[in-house]
Amino acid sequence: MKKLIILSLLSTLAFADYNQYKPSEDFAKYFTKQNCSQVLDKFYYINCYDYSLKGTKAVAYRLEADNLKGEQIKKRPRFEDDTNI
């Protein structure tokens, strides 16, 4: 039984649609080493961090209509410090 459950979980993960976000050509020019101190690729979004400004200069991600049509949560989780900076 355990093997059947593990096999079903692995097959679900194998067929899942995980696409790493890549910005369009119009936005890709903002996420370069010349424009950012550090480019943080977080799989679903890209963050251009500038050490001199001590903050983010640009963020790019994709919004999909299906996600926006669903019920939106009222209370948002608080932001956490990024340990990659």
Protein backbone atom coordinates (compact mmCIF):
# COMPACT_ATOMS: atom_id res chain seq x y z
CA MET A 1 0.00 0.00 0.00
CA LYS A 2 2.84 2.40 0.85
CA LYS A 3 4.46 1.76 -2.52
CA LEU A 4 1.19 2.58 -4.29
CA ILE A 5 0.83 5.87 -2.42
CA ILE A 6 4.45 6.83 -3.08
CA LEU A 7 4.10 5.92 -6.74
CA SER A 8 0.97 8.05 -7.09
CA LEU A 9 2.67 11.01 -5.40
CA LEU A 10 5.73 10.75 -7.61
CA SER A 11 3.62 10.53 -10.76
CA THR A 12 1.63 13.59 -9.66
CA LEU A 13 4.85 15.55 -9.19
CA ALA A 14 6.25 14.34 -12.50
CA PHE A 15 3.24 15.59 -14.45
CA ALA A 16 2.78 18.85 -12.54
CA ASP A 17 3.13 22.03 -14.56
CA TYR A 18 5.92 23.98 -12.85
CA ASN A 19 7.22 26.68 -15.16
CA GLN A 20 10.04 28.93 -14.06
CA TYR A 21 9.21 32.55 -14.78
CA LYS A 22 11.16 34.21 -17.58
CA PRO A 23 10.44 37.90 -18.24
CA SER A 24 9.62 39.12 -21.73
CA GLU A 25 12.30 40.87 -23.78
CA ASP A 26 10.84 44.26 -22.81
CA PHE A 27 11.42 43.61 -19.10
CA ALA A 28 14.55 41.43 -19.27
CA LYS A 29 16.74 44.52 -19.82
CA TYR A 30 15.99 45.69 -16.25
CA PHE A 31 17.31 42.47 -14.70
CA THR A 32 21.00 42.66 -15.65
CA LYS A 33 24.21 42.84 -13.61
CA GLN A 34 24.67 46.44 -14.80
CA ASN A 35 21.28 47.53 -13.44
CA CYS A 36 21.09 45.37 -10.28
CA SER A 37 23.55 44.62 -7.52
CA GLN A 38 21.98 41.19 -7.26
CA VAL A 39 19.31 39.47 -9.37
CA LEU A 40 17.28 37.11 -7.19
CA ASP A 41 15.59 34.44 -9.27
CA LYS A 42 12.84 33.07 -7.03
CA PHE A 43 11.41 30.64 -9.65
CA TYR A 44 7.97 32.30 -9.79
CA TYR A 45 9.27 35.88 -9.84
CA ILE A 46 12.50 37.82 -10.38
CA ASN A 47 13.77 40.54 -8.05
CA CYS A 48 16.37 43.21 -8.94
CA TYR A 49 18.00 44.27 -5.66
CA ASP A 50 20.26 47.34 -5.30
CA TYR A 51 22.63 47.49 -2.31
CA SER A 52 23.11 51.27 -2.54
CA LEU A 53 19.34 51.86 -2.38
CA LYS A 54 18.95 49.09 0.21
CA GLY A 55 15.90 47.89 -1.63
CA THR A 56 14.35 46.43 -4.72
CA LYS A 57 14.53 48.36 -8.00
CA ALA A 58 12.28 46.06 -10.04
CA VAL A 59 10.16 42.93 -9.65
CA ALA A 60 8.66 40.87 -12.48
CA TYR A 61 6.10 38.11 -12.28
CA ARG A 62 3.17 36.75 -14.26
CA LEU A 63 -0.48 37.22 -13.28
CA GLU A 64 -3.03 34.78 -14.61
CA ALA A 65 -6.73 35.58 -14.90
CA ASP A 66 -7.75 32.26 -13.33
CA ASN A 67 -5.91 33.19 -10.13
CA LEU A 68 -7.49 36.64 -9.99
CA LYS A 69 -11.04 35.34 -10.50
CA GLY A 70 -10.89 33.16 -7.39
CA GLU A 71 -11.67 34.24 -3.87
CA GLN A 72 -9.07 36.65 -2.49
CA ILE A 73 -7.85 36.41 1.09
CA LYS A 74 -8.46 39.42 3.33
CA LYS A 75 -5.52 39.12 5.71
CA ARG A 76 -2.14 38.85 3.99
CA PRO A 77 0.88 37.17 5.59
CA ARG A 78 3.61 39.54 6.73
CA PHE A 79 6.75 39.99 4.66
CA GLU A 80 9.84 38.09 5.72
CA ASP A 81 13.48 39.16 5.37
CA ASP A 82 15.21 37.57 2.40
CA THR A 83 18.29 35.71 3.60
CA ASN A 84 19.79 35.59 0.08
CA ILE A 85 20.71 39.29 0.15
